């Protein structure tokens, strides 16, 4: 059964769309598991708290391995068994975020990062992975409306530009399918739904 991934920079609306997609799949009679990265396991949620805490000091390599620790546990303990049962899985971020945020964003070598990702994910592969594209001005407005920003969200504009460049590289390579995330929440949800109807 399909593993659907929603990706994009902070403020693109992927978490909102993940929730709406799950609701629509459930209405259509699918058994759906909604997950986020990092998270989804006791270990993953603990790692998430550390990685996103503004008080955390971590070099680029430590940050990379932190995300892979959470990812490996999630893939082995939750995602792979769910797919084996025939459930759908909607995942808010996956390995594509590591390429964008740690490789492009922090300057780590892309090929070496991909090797670490491959070890972490094992046999788990997405059936469809979408990049929610949103003009930076609109994404900035959404981020500004939030009460607080985490450690990653607090990085500057130069970092965000590198992250966006990483996502565009993944779209160019075919690892991500771009979807327009502008407009109303309902309009974006309809685009997502139309895109996944061919998956299964």
N, C-alpha and C. Protein backbone atom coordinates (compact mmCIF):
# COMPACT_ATOMS: atom_id res chain seq x y z
N UNK A 1 0.85 -1.20 0.00
CA UNK A 1 0.00 0.00 0.00
C UNK A 1 0.87 1.24 0.00
N UNK A 2 0.33 2.37 -0.40
CA UNK A 2 1.18 3.54 -0.64
C UNK A 2 1.69 4.26 0.61
N UNK A 3 2.91 4.73 0.46
CA UNK A 3 3.50 5.67 1.39
C UNK A 3 3.55 7.02 0.67
N UNK A 4 2.82 8.00 1.20
CA UNK A 4 2.72 9.33 0.60
C UNK A 4 3.51 10.31 1.47
N UNK A 5 4.39 11.07 0.85
CA UNK A 5 5.22 12.03 1.57
C UNK A 5 4.87 13.44 1.11
N UNK A 6 4.70 14.34 2.07
CA UNK A 6 4.51 15.76 1.77
C UNK A 6 5.73 16.50 2.28
N UNK A 7 6.35 17.27 1.39
CA UNK A 7 7.59 17.98 1.70
C UNK A 7 7.46 19.46 1.38
N UNK A 8 8.42 20.22 1.89
CA UNK A 8 8.48 21.64 1.58
C UNK A 8 9.10 22.42 2.72
N UNK A 9 9.53 23.64 2.44
CA UNK A 9 10.12 24.48 3.48
C UNK A 9 9.08 24.89 4.52
N UNK A 10 9.57 25.35 5.66
CA UNK A 10 8.68 25.77 6.75
C UNK A 10 7.70 26.84 6.25
N UNK A 11 6.43 26.65 6.60
CA UNK A 11 5.40 27.61 6.21
C UNK A 11 4.67 27.26 4.94
N UNK A 12 5.00 26.13 4.31
CA UNK A 12 4.36 25.79 3.03
C UNK A 12 2.98 25.16 3.21
N UNK A 13 2.64 24.74 4.44
CA UNK A 13 1.31 24.18 4.69
C UNK A 13 1.23 22.67 4.63
N UNK A 14 2.36 21.98 4.63
CA UNK A 14 2.33 20.53 4.48
C UNK A 14 1.66 19.81 5.64
N UNK A 15 1.84 20.31 6.87
CA UNK A 15 1.21 19.63 8.01
C UNK A 15 -0.31 19.73 7.93
N UNK A 16 -0.81 20.89 7.55
CA UNK A 16 -2.25 21.07 7.36
C UNK A 16 -2.76 20.13 6.27
N UNK A 17 -2.04 20.07 5.17
CA UNK A 17 -2.46 19.23 4.05
C UNK A 17 -2.36 17.75 4.39
N UNK A 18 -1.39 17.36 5.21
CA UNK A 18 -1.29 15.97 5.63
C UNK A 18 -2.53 15.55 6.40
N UNK A 19 -2.99 16.43 7.29
CA UNK A 19 -4.20 16.13 8.06
C UNK A 19 -5.43 16.02 7.18
N UNK A 20 -5.57 16.94 6.24
CA UNK A 20 -6.73 16.92 5.34
C UNK A 20 -6.70 15.70 4.43
N UNK A 21 -5.52 15.33 3.98
CA UNK A 21 -5.39 14.16 3.12
C UNK A 21 -5.79 12.89 3.87
N UNK A 22 -5.35 12.78 5.11
CA UNK A 22 -5.72 11.61 5.91
C UNK A 22 -7.23 11.52 6.09
N UNK A 23 -7.86 12.65 6.37
CA UNK A 23 -9.31 12.66 6.53
C UNK A 23 -10.00 12.19 5.25
N UNK A 24 -9.51 12.65 4.13
CA UNK A 24 -10.15 12.30 2.85
C UNK A 24 -9.93 10.82 2.52
N UNK A 25 -8.74 10.31 2.81
CA UNK A 25 -8.48 8.90 2.57
C UNK A 25 -9.34 8.02 3.47
N UNK A 26 -9.50 8.43 4.72
CA UNK A 26 -10.36 7.67 5.63
C UNK A 26 -11.80 7.66 5.16
N UNK A 27 -12.26 8.81 4.66
CA UNK A 27 -13.62 8.90 4.12
C UNK A 27 -13.78 7.97 2.92
N UNK A 28 -12.70 7.79 2.17
CA UNK A 28 -12.72 6.92 1.00
C UNK A 28 -12.56 5.44 1.38
N UNK A 29 -12.49 5.16 2.68
CA UNK A 29 -12.43 3.78 3.13
C UNK A 29 -11.05 3.21 3.35
N UNK A 30 -10.04 4.05 3.31
CA UNK A 30 -8.67 3.59 3.53
C UNK A 30 -8.32 3.60 5.02
N UNK A 31 -7.48 2.67 5.42
CA UNK A 31 -6.89 2.70 6.75
C UNK A 31 -5.61 3.50 6.64
N UNK A 32 -5.53 4.60 7.38
CA UNK A 32 -4.45 5.56 7.18
C UNK A 32 -3.72 5.84 8.49
N UNK A 33 -2.40 5.92 8.39
CA UNK A 33 -1.57 6.29 9.53
C UNK A 33 -0.86 7.60 9.18
N UNK A 34 -1.07 8.61 10.01
CA UNK A 34 -0.41 9.90 9.79
C UNK A 34 0.81 9.99 10.71
N UNK A 35 1.96 10.30 10.12
CA UNK A 35 3.21 10.38 10.87
C UNK A 35 3.97 11.65 10.51
N UNK A 36 4.92 12.01 11.37
CA UNK A 36 5.78 13.15 11.09
C UNK A 36 7.23 12.78 11.37
N UNK A 37 8.12 13.50 10.73
CA UNK A 37 9.54 13.35 11.00
C UNK A 37 10.11 14.67 11.51
N UNK A 38 11.03 14.59 12.48
CA UNK A 38 11.29 13.40 13.28
C UNK A 38 10.13 13.16 14.25
N UNK A 39 9.93 11.92 14.63
CA UNK A 39 8.85 11.59 15.55
C UNK A 39 8.27 10.23 15.26
N UNK A 40 7.09 9.98 15.79
CA UNK A 40 6.37 8.75 15.51
C UNK A 40 6.72 7.56 16.39
N UNK A 41 7.79 7.66 17.14
CA UNK A 41 8.17 6.65 18.11
C UNK A 41 8.63 7.38 19.37
N UNK A 42 8.77 6.64 20.46
CA UNK A 42 9.25 7.28 21.68
C UNK A 42 10.64 7.87 21.47
N UNK A 43 11.50 7.11 20.80
CA UNK A 43 12.84 7.62 20.50
C UNK A 43 12.77 8.83 19.58
N UNK A 44 11.95 8.72 18.53
CA UNK A 44 11.85 9.81 17.56
C UNK A 44 11.35 11.11 18.16
N UNK A 45 10.37 11.02 19.06
CA UNK A 45 9.85 12.23 19.69
C UNK A 45 10.88 12.85 20.63
N UNK A 46 11.67 12.01 21.31
CA UNK A 46 12.72 12.52 22.18
C UNK A 46 13.80 13.22 21.36
N UNK A 47 14.17 12.61 20.23
CA UNK A 47 15.16 13.23 19.34
C UNK A 47 14.61 14.53 18.78
N UNK A 48 13.35 14.55 18.42
CA UNK A 48 12.73 15.77 17.89
C UNK A 48 12.85 16.91 18.89
N UNK A 49 12.53 16.62 20.15
CA UNK A 49 12.59 17.66 21.17
C UNK A 49 14.00 18.24 21.28
N UNK A 50 15.00 17.38 21.19
CA UNK A 50 16.39 17.85 21.28
C UNK A 50 16.77 18.68 20.05
N UNK A 51 16.48 18.16 18.87
CA UNK A 51 16.91 18.81 17.63
C UNK A 51 16.25 20.16 17.42
N UNK A 52 15.01 20.31 17.86
CA UNK A 52 14.28 21.56 17.63
C UNK A 52 14.41 22.56 18.77
N UNK A 53 15.01 22.14 19.87
CA UNK A 53 15.19 23.01 21.04
C UNK A 53 16.24 24.08 20.73
N UNK A 54 15.88 25.35 20.93
CA UNK A 54 16.83 26.44 20.65
C UNK A 54 18.08 26.36 21.52
N UNK A 55 17.98 25.68 22.65
CA UNK A 55 19.14 25.57 23.54
C UNK A 55 20.14 24.51 23.06
N UNK A 56 19.74 23.69 22.11
CA UNK A 56 20.62 22.63 21.61
C UNK A 56 21.74 23.21 20.76
N UNK A 57 22.95 22.75 21.01
CA UNK A 57 24.11 23.09 20.18
C UNK A 57 24.55 21.80 19.49
N UNK A 58 24.49 21.77 18.17
CA UNK A 58 24.85 20.57 17.42
C UNK A 58 25.55 20.96 16.13
N UNK A 59 26.67 20.31 15.84
CA UNK A 59 27.34 20.55 14.56
C UNK A 59 26.51 19.91 13.45
N UNK A 60 26.86 20.21 12.22
CA UNK A 60 26.07 19.72 11.08
C UNK A 60 26.00 18.20 11.06
N UNK A 61 27.12 17.54 11.34
CA UNK A 61 27.15 16.08 11.31
C UNK A 61 26.30 15.49 12.43
N UNK A 62 26.35 16.09 13.61
CA UNK A 62 25.53 15.61 14.73
C UNK A 62 24.05 15.76 14.41
N UNK A 63 23.69 16.88 13.81
CA UNK A 63 22.30 17.10 13.43
C UNK A 63 21.85 16.06 12.41
N UNK A 64 22.71 15.79 11.44
CA UNK A 64 22.40 14.79 10.42
C UNK A 64 22.11 13.43 11.06
N UNK A 65 22.98 12.99 11.94
CA UNK A 65 22.80 11.67 12.54
C UNK A 65 21.63 11.63 13.51
N UNK A 66 21.32 12.74 14.13
CA UNK A 66 20.14 12.78 14.98
C UNK A 66 18.88 12.48 14.19
N UNK A 67 18.74 13.11 13.05
CA UNK A 67 17.57 12.86 12.21
C UNK A 67 17.53 11.41 11.72
N UNK A 68 18.69 10.85 11.40
CA UNK A 68 18.70 9.47 10.91
C UNK A 68 18.37 8.48 12.02
N UNK A 69 18.76 8.80 13.25
CA UNK A 69 18.40 7.94 14.39
C UNK A 69 16.88 7.83 14.50
N UNK A 70 16.23 8.98 14.47
CA UNK A 70 14.76 8.98 14.57
C UNK A 70 14.14 8.29 13.36
N UNK A 71 14.69 8.53 12.19
CA UNK A 71 14.13 7.96 10.95
C UNK A 71 14.25 6.44 10.92
N UNK A 72 15.40 5.93 11.30
CA UNK A 72 15.60 4.48 11.28
C UNK A 72 14.59 3.78 12.17
N UNK A 73 14.37 4.31 13.36
CA UNK A 73 13.41 3.70 14.30
C UNK A 73 11.99 3.76 13.74
N UNK A 74 11.65 4.89 13.14
CA UNK A 74 10.31 5.05 12.58
C UNK A 74 10.07 4.07 11.43
N UNK A 75 11.06 3.94 10.56
CA UNK A 75 10.91 3.04 9.41
C UNK A 75 10.77 1.59 9.86
N UNK A 76 11.61 1.17 10.81
CA UNK A 76 11.59 -0.23 11.25
C UNK A 76 10.36 -0.55 12.09
N UNK A 77 10.04 0.33 13.03
CA UNK A 77 9.00 0.01 14.02
C UNK A 77 7.59 0.35 13.58
N UNK A 78 7.45 1.33 12.68
CA UNK A 78 6.11 1.84 12.39
C UNK A 78 5.76 1.76 10.90
N UNK A 79 6.58 2.38 10.05
CA UNK A 79 6.21 2.50 8.63
C UNK A 79 6.19 1.14 7.94
N UNK A 80 7.28 0.39 8.03
CA UNK A 80 7.34 -0.90 7.34
C UNK A 80 6.22 -1.85 7.79
N UNK A 81 5.96 -1.98 9.09
CA UNK A 81 4.83 -2.84 9.50
C UNK A 81 3.48 -2.35 9.00
N UNK A 82 3.27 -1.03 8.99
CA UNK A 82 2.00 -0.48 8.52
C UNK A 82 1.79 -0.81 7.04
N UNK A 83 2.83 -0.62 6.24
CA UNK A 83 2.72 -0.92 4.82
C UNK A 83 2.50 -2.42 4.59
N UNK A 84 3.13 -3.24 5.41
CA UNK A 84 2.95 -4.69 5.29
C UNK A 84 1.52 -5.11 5.62
N UNK A 85 0.87 -4.36 6.52
CA UNK A 85 -0.53 -4.65 6.86
C UNK A 85 -1.49 -4.21 5.76
N UNK A 86 -1.01 -3.39 4.84
CA UNK A 86 -1.89 -2.86 3.81
C UNK A 86 -2.43 -1.49 4.12
N UNK A 87 -1.90 -0.83 5.15
CA UNK A 87 -2.34 0.52 5.50
C UNK A 87 -1.68 1.55 4.58
N UNK A 88 -2.34 2.69 4.45
CA UNK A 88 -1.71 3.84 3.83
C UNK A 88 -0.96 4.60 4.91
N UNK A 89 0.15 5.23 4.53
CA UNK A 89 0.91 6.08 5.44
C UNK A 89 1.10 7.44 4.79
N UNK A 90 0.71 8.49 5.52
CA UNK A 90 0.94 9.86 5.08
C UNK A 90 2.00 10.44 6.00
N UNK A 91 3.13 10.80 5.41
CA UNK A 91 4.30 11.20 6.18
C UNK A 91 4.63 12.67 5.94
N UNK A 92 4.65 13.42 7.02
CA UNK A 92 5.00 14.84 7.01
C UNK A 92 6.52 14.94 7.15
N UNK A 93 7.19 15.07 6.01
CA UNK A 93 8.65 15.06 5.84
C UNK A 93 9.19 13.63 5.81
N UNK A 94 10.25 13.46 4.98
CA UNK A 94 10.98 12.20 4.93
C UNK A 94 12.43 12.53 4.59
N UNK A 95 13.11 11.64 3.90
CA UNK A 95 14.54 11.84 3.67
C UNK A 95 14.85 13.06 2.82
N UNK A 96 13.90 13.51 2.04
CA UNK A 96 14.10 14.69 1.20
C UNK A 96 14.45 15.91 2.04
N UNK A 97 13.86 16.00 3.24
CA UNK A 97 14.17 17.12 4.13
C UNK A 97 15.64 17.12 4.53
N UNK A 98 16.22 15.93 4.69
CA UNK A 98 17.63 15.85 5.06
C UNK A 98 18.51 16.39 3.94
N UNK A 99 18.17 16.08 2.71
CA UNK A 99 18.93 16.64 1.59
C UNK A 99 18.81 18.15 1.57
N UNK A 100 17.60 18.66 1.76
CA UNK A 100 17.38 20.11 1.69
C UNK A 100 18.00 20.83 2.88
N UNK A 101 17.74 20.35 4.10
CA UNK A 101 18.11 21.09 5.31
C UNK A 101 19.54 20.83 5.78
N UNK A 102 20.00 19.59 5.68
CA UNK A 102 21.35 19.31 6.17
C UNK A 102 22.40 19.32 5.06
N UNK A 103 22.08 18.76 3.89
CA UNK A 103 23.06 18.79 2.80
C UNK A 103 23.15 20.18 2.19
N UNK A 104 22.07 20.66 1.60
CA UNK A 104 22.10 22.00 0.99
C UNK A 104 22.18 23.09 2.06
N UNK A 105 21.37 22.97 3.09
CA UNK A 105 21.30 24.03 4.10
C UNK A 105 22.56 24.20 4.91
N UNK A 106 23.15 23.08 5.32
CA UNK A 106 24.34 23.13 6.18
C UNK A 106 25.63 22.83 5.45
N UNK A 107 25.54 22.50 4.17
CA UNK A 107 26.75 22.34 3.37
C UNK A 107 27.39 20.97 3.43
N UNK A 108 26.65 19.95 3.88
CA UNK A 108 27.22 18.60 3.89
C UNK A 108 27.18 18.00 2.48
N UNK A 109 28.13 17.11 2.23
CA UNK A 109 28.22 16.48 0.91
C UNK A 109 26.96 15.66 0.61
N UNK A 110 26.34 15.92 -0.51
CA UNK A 110 25.06 15.29 -0.83
C UNK A 110 25.19 13.77 -0.95
N UNK A 111 26.22 13.29 -1.62
CA UNK A 111 26.35 11.85 -1.81
C UNK A 111 26.60 11.12 -0.50
N UNK A 112 27.40 11.72 0.38
CA UNK A 112 27.64 11.09 1.69
C UNK A 112 26.37 11.11 2.53
N UNK A 113 25.60 12.18 2.43
CA UNK A 113 24.33 12.26 3.14
C UNK A 113 23.37 11.20 2.61
N UNK A 114 23.31 11.02 1.32
CA UNK A 114 22.43 10.01 0.73
C UNK A 114 22.80 8.60 1.23
N UNK A 115 24.09 8.33 1.40
CA UNK A 115 24.51 7.02 1.88
C UNK A 115 24.00 6.78 3.30
N UNK A 116 24.04 7.81 4.15
CA UNK A 116 23.54 7.68 5.51
C UNK A 116 22.02 7.49 5.50
N UNK A 117 21.34 8.23 4.64
CA UNK A 117 19.89 8.08 4.52
C UNK A 117 19.52 6.66 4.11
N UNK A 118 20.23 6.11 3.13
CA UNK A 118 19.93 4.76 2.65
C UNK A 118 20.02 3.74 3.77
N UNK A 119 21.01 3.90 4.64
CA UNK A 119 21.14 3.00 5.78
C UNK A 119 19.96 3.16 6.74
N UNK A 120 19.54 4.38 6.96
CA UNK A 120 18.45 4.65 7.91
C UNK A 120 17.11 4.13 7.41
N UNK A 121 16.78 4.32 6.14
CA UNK A 121 15.43 3.97 5.65
C UNK A 121 15.29 2.49 5.34
N UNK A 122 16.39 1.80 5.13
CA UNK A 122 16.30 0.38 4.78
C UNK A 122 15.55 0.18 3.48
N UNK A 123 14.50 -0.63 3.53
CA UNK A 123 13.75 -0.94 2.31
C UNK A 123 12.56 -0.01 2.10
N UNK A 124 12.34 0.94 3.00
CA UNK A 124 11.17 1.82 2.90
C UNK A 124 11.39 2.87 1.82
N UNK A 125 10.46 2.93 0.89
CA UNK A 125 10.53 3.91 -0.20
C UNK A 125 9.14 4.53 -0.40
N UNK A 126 9.06 5.82 -0.66
CA UNK A 126 7.74 6.42 -0.89
C UNK A 126 7.17 6.03 -2.24
N UNK A 127 5.86 5.86 -2.29
CA UNK A 127 5.18 5.63 -3.56
C UNK A 127 4.96 6.94 -4.29
N UNK A 128 4.85 8.03 -3.54
CA UNK A 128 4.71 9.37 -4.12
C UNK A 128 5.21 10.38 -3.10
N UNK A 129 5.97 11.36 -3.58
CA UNK A 129 6.50 12.40 -2.70
C UNK A 129 6.30 13.75 -3.39
N UNK A 130 5.65 14.66 -2.68
CA UNK A 130 5.27 15.94 -3.27
C UNK A 130 5.97 17.11 -2.58
N UNK A 131 6.39 18.06 -3.39
CA UNK A 131 6.96 19.31 -2.90
C UNK A 131 5.89 20.39 -2.99
N UNK A 132 5.47 20.90 -1.84
CA UNK A 132 4.49 21.99 -1.83
C UNK A 132 5.24 23.30 -2.02
N UNK A 133 5.06 23.88 -3.18
CA UNK A 133 5.75 25.13 -3.54
C UNK A 133 4.90 26.33 -3.16
N UNK A 134 5.52 27.28 -2.48
CA UNK A 134 4.82 28.49 -2.06
C UNK A 134 5.77 29.67 -2.19
N UNK A 135 5.32 30.81 -2.73
CA UNK A 135 6.18 31.98 -2.79
C UNK A 135 6.72 32.33 -1.41
N UNK A 136 7.99 32.71 -1.34
CA UNK A 136 8.63 32.95 -0.05
C UNK A 136 7.92 34.02 0.76
N UNK A 137 7.37 35.03 0.11
CA UNK A 137 6.68 36.09 0.85
C UNK A 137 5.49 35.52 1.62
N UNK A 138 4.76 34.61 0.98
CA UNK A 138 3.60 34.01 1.64
C UNK A 138 4.04 33.06 2.75
N UNK A 139 5.10 32.29 2.49
CA UNK A 139 5.61 31.39 3.52
C UNK A 139 6.13 32.18 4.73
N UNK A 140 6.78 33.30 4.46
CA UNK A 140 7.29 34.15 5.54
C UNK A 140 6.14 34.68 6.39
N UNK A 141 5.06 35.08 5.75
CA UNK A 141 3.91 35.59 6.49
C UNK A 141 3.32 34.51 7.39
N UNK A 142 3.28 33.29 6.91
CA UNK A 142 2.75 32.19 7.72
C UNK A 142 3.67 31.91 8.91
N UNK A 143 4.98 31.92 8.66
CA UNK A 143 5.92 31.68 9.76
C UNK A 143 5.83 32.78 10.80
N UNK A 144 5.67 34.01 10.34
CA UNK A 144 5.61 35.15 11.26
C UNK A 144 4.38 35.10 12.14
N UNK A 145 3.32 34.43 11.68
CA UNK A 145 2.08 34.35 12.45
C UNK A 145 2.17 33.35 13.59
N UNK A 146 3.20 32.53 13.58
CA UNK A 146 3.35 31.53 14.63
C UNK A 146 3.86 32.20 15.91
N UNK A 147 3.47 31.62 17.03
CA UNK A 147 3.85 32.19 18.32
C UNK A 147 5.34 32.07 18.57
N UNK A 148 5.92 30.93 18.20
CA UNK A 148 7.34 30.70 18.44
C UNK A 148 7.96 30.01 17.23
N UNK A 149 9.28 30.12 17.13
CA UNK A 149 10.03 29.45 16.07
C UNK A 149 11.01 28.48 16.73
N UNK A 150 11.18 27.28 16.16
CA UNK A 150 12.11 26.32 16.73
C UNK A 150 13.54 26.61 16.26
N UNK A 151 14.46 25.75 16.63
CA UNK A 151 15.87 25.98 16.32
C UNK A 151 16.14 26.06 14.83
N UNK A 152 15.48 25.21 14.05
CA UNK A 152 15.69 25.21 12.60
C UNK A 152 15.01 26.41 11.96
N UNK A 153 13.79 26.71 12.39
CA UNK A 153 13.04 27.83 11.82
C UNK A 153 13.70 29.17 12.13
N UNK A 154 14.52 29.21 13.18
CA UNK A 154 15.15 30.46 13.59
C UNK A 154 16.38 30.82 12.77
N UNK A 155 16.81 29.92 11.90
CA UNK A 155 17.96 30.23 11.06
C UNK A 155 17.58 31.30 10.04
N UNK A 156 18.59 31.97 9.51
CA UNK A 156 18.34 33.15 8.70
C UNK A 156 17.89 32.88 7.28
N UNK A 157 17.71 33.99 6.55
CA UNK A 157 17.21 33.92 5.18
C UNK A 157 18.17 33.19 4.25
N UNK A 158 19.49 33.35 4.46
CA UNK A 158 20.45 32.66 3.61
C UNK A 158 20.29 31.15 3.72
N UNK A 159 20.08 30.70 4.94
CA UNK A 159 19.88 29.26 5.15
C UNK A 159 18.60 28.80 4.44
N UNK A 160 17.52 29.55 4.58
CA UNK A 160 16.26 29.17 3.94
C UNK A 160 16.40 29.13 2.42
N UNK A 161 17.18 30.04 1.87
CA UNK A 161 17.39 30.05 0.42
C UNK A 161 18.12 28.79 -0.03
N UNK A 162 19.08 28.34 0.77
CA UNK A 162 19.80 27.11 0.43
C UNK A 162 18.87 25.89 0.53
N UNK A 163 18.02 25.90 1.55
CA UNK A 163 17.05 24.82 1.70
C UNK A 163 16.12 24.76 0.49
N UNK A 164 15.61 25.90 0.09
CA UNK A 164 14.72 25.95 -1.08
C UNK A 164 15.44 25.47 -2.33
N UNK A 165 16.72 25.82 -2.46
CA UNK A 165 17.50 25.35 -3.60
C UNK A 165 17.62 23.83 -3.57
N UNK A 166 17.76 23.28 -2.38
CA UNK A 166 17.82 21.83 -2.26
C UNK A 166 16.53 21.17 -2.69
N UNK A 167 15.42 21.74 -2.29
CA UNK A 167 14.13 21.19 -2.71
C UNK A 167 13.95 21.28 -4.23
N UNK A 168 14.36 22.38 -4.80
CA UNK A 168 14.23 22.52 -6.25
C UNK A 168 15.12 21.51 -6.98
N UNK A 169 16.29 21.22 -6.42
CA UNK A 169 17.17 20.21 -7.02
C UNK A 169 16.50 18.84 -6.98
N UNK A 170 15.81 18.54 -5.89
CA UNK A 170 15.10 17.27 -5.77
C UNK A 170 13.93 17.20 -6.75
N UNK A 171 13.28 18.32 -6.98
CA UNK A 171 12.20 18.35 -7.96
C UNK A 171 12.75 18.15 -9.37
N UNK A 172 13.88 18.78 -9.65
CA UNK A 172 14.50 18.65 -10.97
C UNK A 172 14.94 17.20 -11.24
N UNK A 173 15.43 16.53 -10.19
CA UNK A 173 15.90 15.15 -10.35
C UNK A 173 14.77 14.14 -10.41
N UNK A 174 13.55 14.58 -10.09
CA UNK A 174 12.40 13.68 -10.10
C UNK A 174 12.12 13.01 -8.77
N UNK A 175 12.90 13.34 -7.74
CA UNK A 175 12.66 12.77 -6.41
C UNK A 175 11.40 13.35 -5.77
N UNK A 176 11.01 14.55 -6.17
CA UNK A 176 9.81 15.20 -5.66
C UNK A 176 8.96 15.70 -6.82
N UNK A 177 7.65 15.58 -6.67
CA UNK A 177 6.72 16.12 -7.67
C UNK A 177 6.20 17.45 -7.16
N UNK A 178 6.46 18.55 -7.86
CA UNK A 178 6.02 19.87 -7.37
C UNK A 178 4.51 20.04 -7.45
N UNK A 179 3.95 20.66 -6.41
CA UNK A 179 2.54 21.03 -6.39
C UNK A 179 2.43 22.48 -5.93
N UNK A 180 1.56 23.23 -6.57
CA UNK A 180 1.33 24.62 -6.20
C UNK A 180 0.61 24.69 -4.86
N UNK A 181 1.26 25.32 -3.86
CA UNK A 181 0.67 25.41 -2.52
C UNK A 181 0.08 26.78 -2.24
N UNK A 182 -0.06 27.61 -3.28
CA UNK A 182 -0.67 28.92 -3.09
C UNK A 182 -2.19 28.80 -3.20
N UNK A 183 -2.88 29.83 -2.74
CA UNK A 183 -4.33 29.80 -2.76
C UNK A 183 -4.89 29.33 -1.44
N UNK A 184 -6.18 29.02 -1.43
CA UNK A 184 -6.84 28.61 -0.20
C UNK A 184 -6.43 27.20 0.20
N UNK A 185 -6.65 26.88 1.47
CA UNK A 185 -6.37 25.54 1.96
C UNK A 185 -7.14 24.50 1.17
N UNK A 186 -8.40 24.80 0.88
CA UNK A 186 -9.23 23.86 0.13
C UNK A 186 -8.72 23.65 -1.29
N UNK A 187 -8.26 24.72 -1.92
CA UNK A 187 -7.72 24.60 -3.28
C UNK A 187 -6.48 23.72 -3.31
N UNK A 188 -5.60 23.91 -2.34
CA UNK A 188 -4.39 23.09 -2.28
C UNK A 188 -4.74 21.64 -1.99
N UNK A 189 -5.69 21.42 -1.09
CA UNK A 189 -6.11 20.06 -0.75
C UNK A 189 -6.64 19.34 -1.99
N UNK A 190 -7.35 20.05 -2.84
CA UNK A 190 -7.88 19.44 -4.06
C UNK A 190 -6.75 19.06 -5.01
N UNK A 191 -5.71 19.91 -5.08
CA UNK A 191 -4.55 19.58 -5.93
C UNK A 191 -3.84 18.33 -5.41
N UNK A 192 -3.68 18.25 -4.11
CA UNK A 192 -3.03 17.08 -3.51
C UNK A 192 -3.85 15.83 -3.81
N UNK A 193 -5.15 15.91 -3.60
CA UNK A 193 -6.03 14.77 -3.82
C UNK A 193 -5.99 14.31 -5.27
N UNK A 194 -6.03 15.25 -6.18
CA UNK A 194 -5.98 14.91 -7.60
C UNK A 194 -4.66 14.21 -7.93
N UNK A 195 -3.58 14.68 -7.31
CA UNK A 195 -2.26 14.11 -7.61
C UNK A 195 -2.12 12.68 -7.09
N UNK A 196 -2.72 12.36 -5.95
CA UNK A 196 -2.51 11.02 -5.39
C UNK A 196 -3.53 10.00 -5.88
N UNK A 197 -4.55 10.42 -6.58
CA UNK A 197 -5.58 9.47 -7.03
C UNK A 197 -5.02 8.42 -7.96
N UNK A 198 -3.88 8.67 -8.57
CA UNK A 198 -3.28 7.68 -9.48
C UNK A 198 -2.34 6.73 -8.73
N UNK A 199 -2.15 6.96 -7.42
CA UNK A 199 -1.17 6.15 -6.69
C UNK A 199 -1.70 4.76 -6.36
N UNK A 200 -2.96 4.70 -5.90
CA UNK A 200 -3.48 3.39 -5.54
C UNK A 200 -4.82 3.48 -4.84
